């Protein structure tokens, strides 16, 4: 369907469209791949943020425990 879009625009609507069907298909495929990569990195970044938050919480807890142990 995407490959036919330039032909339809040129023949039916007289739109000067410089991309051919194959070029448009490549652009759409690369865009979809890029969006997929971004979506796959978002949960990883969120997970890293949670891990860092947990580490900070553990450090604070350890510091509090050390403060309690000192006479």
N, C-alpha and C. Protein backbone atom coordinates (compact mmCIF):
# COMPACT_ATOMS: atom_id res chain seq x y z
N UNK A 1 0.82 -1.19 0.00
CA UNK A 1 0.00 0.00 0.00
C UNK A 1 0.87 1.26 0.00
N UNK A 2 1.92 1.24 0.79
CA UNK A 2 2.80 2.42 0.87
C UNK A 2 3.47 2.67 -0.48
N UNK A 3 3.84 1.61 -1.17
CA UNK A 3 4.51 1.77 -2.47
C UNK A 3 3.58 2.36 -3.53
N UNK A 4 2.29 2.15 -3.37
CA UNK A 4 1.34 2.67 -4.35
C UNK A 4 0.98 4.13 -4.11
N UNK A 5 1.22 4.64 -2.92
CA UNK A 5 0.84 6.00 -2.58
C UNK A 5 1.43 7.04 -3.55
N UNK A 6 2.72 6.99 -3.88
CA UNK A 6 3.24 7.99 -4.84
C UNK A 6 2.56 7.93 -6.20
N UNK A 7 2.29 6.74 -6.67
CA UNK A 7 1.64 6.59 -7.98
C UNK A 7 0.23 7.18 -7.95
N UNK A 8 -0.48 6.96 -6.86
CA UNK A 8 -1.84 7.51 -6.74
C UNK A 8 -1.79 9.03 -6.67
N UNK A 9 -0.86 9.56 -5.89
CA UNK A 9 -0.74 11.02 -5.77
C UNK A 9 -0.38 11.66 -7.10
N UNK A 10 0.49 11.03 -7.85
CA UNK A 10 0.92 11.59 -9.14
C UNK A 10 -0.19 11.50 -10.18
N UNK A 11 -0.80 10.33 -10.31
CA UNK A 11 -1.77 10.14 -11.40
C UNK A 11 -3.14 10.75 -11.09
N UNK A 12 -3.67 10.57 -9.91
CA UNK A 12 -5.03 11.03 -9.62
C UNK A 12 -5.10 12.49 -9.19
N UNK A 13 -4.11 12.94 -8.44
CA UNK A 13 -4.19 14.29 -7.88
C UNK A 13 -3.16 15.26 -8.47
N UNK A 14 -2.35 14.82 -9.39
CA UNK A 14 -1.33 15.64 -10.05
C UNK A 14 -0.41 16.31 -9.04
N UNK A 15 -0.06 15.59 -8.01
CA UNK A 15 0.84 16.11 -6.99
C UNK A 15 2.27 15.80 -7.42
N UNK A 16 3.14 16.81 -7.46
CA UNK A 16 4.54 16.54 -7.82
C UNK A 16 5.24 15.84 -6.66
N UNK A 17 5.36 14.56 -6.75
CA UNK A 17 5.93 13.74 -5.68
C UNK A 17 7.26 13.21 -6.16
N UNK A 18 8.34 13.58 -5.48
CA UNK A 18 9.67 13.23 -5.97
C UNK A 18 10.15 11.86 -5.51
N UNK A 19 9.54 11.29 -4.49
CA UNK A 19 9.94 9.96 -4.03
C UNK A 19 9.19 8.90 -4.80
N UNK A 20 9.91 7.83 -5.12
CA UNK A 20 9.25 6.69 -5.72
C UNK A 20 8.73 5.76 -4.64
N UNK A 21 8.06 4.72 -5.02
CA UNK A 21 7.49 3.78 -4.06
C UNK A 21 8.54 3.08 -3.21
N UNK A 22 9.63 2.68 -3.83
CA UNK A 22 10.69 1.99 -3.10
C UNK A 22 11.36 2.91 -2.10
N UNK A 23 11.62 4.15 -2.49
CA UNK A 23 12.24 5.11 -1.57
C UNK A 23 11.34 5.37 -0.37
N UNK A 24 10.07 5.55 -0.63
CA UNK A 24 9.12 5.79 0.45
C UNK A 24 9.04 4.59 1.38
N UNK A 25 9.07 3.40 0.82
CA UNK A 25 9.03 2.19 1.63
C UNK A 25 10.26 2.09 2.52
N UNK A 26 11.41 2.45 2.00
CA UNK A 26 12.64 2.43 2.80
C UNK A 26 12.56 3.46 3.93
N UNK A 27 12.06 4.64 3.64
CA UNK A 27 11.93 5.68 4.67
C UNK A 27 10.99 5.21 5.77
N UNK A 28 9.87 4.63 5.41
CA UNK A 28 8.91 4.15 6.40
C UNK A 28 9.52 3.02 7.23
N UNK A 29 10.22 2.11 6.60
CA UNK A 29 10.83 0.99 7.33
C UNK A 29 11.89 1.47 8.32
N UNK A 30 12.71 2.41 7.91
CA UNK A 30 13.74 2.95 8.79
C UNK A 30 13.10 3.70 9.95
N UNK A 31 12.05 4.47 9.67
CA UNK A 31 11.35 5.20 10.72
C UNK A 31 10.73 4.24 11.73
N UNK A 32 10.10 3.18 11.25
CA UNK A 32 9.50 2.20 12.15
C UNK A 32 10.56 1.50 12.99
N UNK A 33 11.70 1.20 12.40
CA UNK A 33 12.79 0.56 13.13
C UNK A 33 13.34 1.49 14.21
N UNK A 34 13.48 2.77 13.86
CA UNK A 34 13.98 3.75 14.83
C UNK A 34 13.02 3.90 16.00
N UNK A 35 11.74 3.97 15.72
CA UNK A 35 10.74 4.08 16.79
C UNK A 35 10.77 2.83 17.66
N UNK A 36 10.93 1.67 17.06
CA UNK A 36 11.04 0.43 17.83
C UNK A 36 12.25 0.42 18.74
N UNK A 37 13.38 0.92 18.24
CA UNK A 37 14.59 1.01 19.05
C UNK A 37 14.39 1.95 20.23
N UNK A 38 13.75 3.08 19.99
CA UNK A 38 13.49 4.04 21.06
C UNK A 38 12.59 3.42 22.12
N UNK A 39 11.55 2.73 21.68
CA UNK A 39 10.64 2.08 22.63
C UNK A 39 11.34 0.98 23.42
N UNK A 40 12.31 0.32 22.85
CA UNK A 40 13.01 -0.73 23.58
C UNK A 40 13.98 -0.16 24.60
N UNK A 41 14.48 1.06 24.34
CA UNK A 41 15.42 1.68 25.28
C UNK A 41 14.72 2.37 26.45
N UNK A 42 13.47 2.76 26.28
CA UNK A 42 12.77 3.46 27.35
C UNK A 42 12.61 2.61 28.62
N UNK A 43 12.17 1.36 28.53
CA UNK A 43 12.07 0.56 29.76
C UNK A 43 13.43 0.32 30.41
N UNK A 44 14.46 0.17 29.61
CA UNK A 44 15.81 -0.04 30.16
C UNK A 44 16.25 1.18 30.95
N UNK A 45 15.99 2.37 30.43
CA UNK A 45 16.35 3.59 31.14
C UNK A 45 15.55 3.74 32.42
N UNK A 46 14.27 3.36 32.35
CA UNK A 46 13.43 3.43 33.55
C UNK A 46 13.94 2.44 34.60
N UNK A 47 14.33 1.25 34.16
CA UNK A 47 14.84 0.24 35.08
C UNK A 47 16.14 0.71 35.72
N UNK A 48 17.03 1.32 34.93
CA UNK A 48 18.29 1.84 35.47
C UNK A 48 18.02 2.91 36.52
N UNK A 49 17.02 3.74 36.27
CA UNK A 49 16.65 4.76 37.23
C UNK A 49 16.16 4.15 38.53
N UNK A 50 15.39 3.08 38.43
CA UNK A 50 14.89 2.41 39.64
C UNK A 50 16.04 1.77 40.42
N UNK A 51 16.99 1.19 39.70
CA UNK A 51 18.14 0.57 40.36
C UNK A 51 18.96 1.63 41.09
N UNK A 52 19.20 2.76 40.45
CA UNK A 52 19.95 3.84 41.10
C UNK A 52 19.21 4.35 42.33
N UNK A 53 17.91 4.47 42.23
CA UNK A 53 17.11 4.93 43.36
C UNK A 53 17.21 3.94 44.52
N UNK A 54 17.17 2.66 44.22
CA UNK A 54 17.29 1.64 45.25
C UNK A 54 18.68 1.67 45.90
N UNK A 55 19.70 1.89 45.10
CA UNK A 55 21.06 1.97 45.65
C UNK A 55 21.21 3.15 46.59
N UNK A 56 20.64 4.30 46.21
CA UNK A 56 20.70 5.48 47.08
C UNK A 56 19.96 5.22 48.39
N UNK A 57 18.83 4.54 48.29
CA UNK A 57 18.04 4.22 49.47
C UNK A 57 18.82 3.29 50.39
N UNK A 58 19.50 2.30 49.81
CA UNK A 58 20.32 1.37 50.59
C UNK A 58 21.47 2.10 51.27
N UNK A 59 22.10 3.03 50.55
CA UNK A 59 23.21 3.79 51.14
C UNK A 59 22.73 4.63 52.33
N UNK A 60 21.57 5.27 52.17
CA UNK A 60 21.04 6.07 53.27
C UNK A 60 20.73 5.20 54.48
N UNK A 61 20.19 4.02 54.22
CA UNK A 61 19.85 3.11 55.31
C UNK A 61 21.12 2.65 56.02
N UNK A 62 22.16 2.33 55.25
CA UNK A 62 23.43 1.92 55.85
C UNK A 62 24.03 3.04 56.69
N UNK A 63 23.95 4.28 56.17
CA UNK A 63 24.47 5.41 56.93
C UNK A 63 23.70 5.61 58.22
N UNK A 64 22.41 5.44 58.17
CA UNK A 64 21.60 5.58 59.38
C UNK A 64 21.93 4.48 60.39
N UNK A 65 22.15 3.26 59.89
CA UNK A 65 22.51 2.15 60.75
C UNK A 65 23.87 2.40 61.42
N UNK A 66 24.81 2.95 60.66
CA UNK A 66 26.14 3.25 61.20
C UNK A 66 26.04 4.35 62.27
N UNK A 67 25.18 5.33 62.01
CA UNK A 67 25.00 6.41 63.00
C UNK A 67 24.41 5.87 64.30
N UNK A 68 23.56 4.91 64.22
CA UNK A 68 22.94 4.34 65.42
C UNK A 68 23.94 3.49 66.20
N UNK A 69 24.89 2.88 65.51
CA UNK A 69 25.85 2.00 66.17
C UNK A 69 26.92 2.78 66.91
N UNK A 70 27.18 4.01 66.53
CA UNK A 70 28.24 4.78 67.18
C UNK A 70 27.79 5.17 68.58
N UNK A 71 28.68 5.01 69.61
CA UNK A 71 28.30 5.35 71.00
C UNK A 71 28.28 6.83 71.26
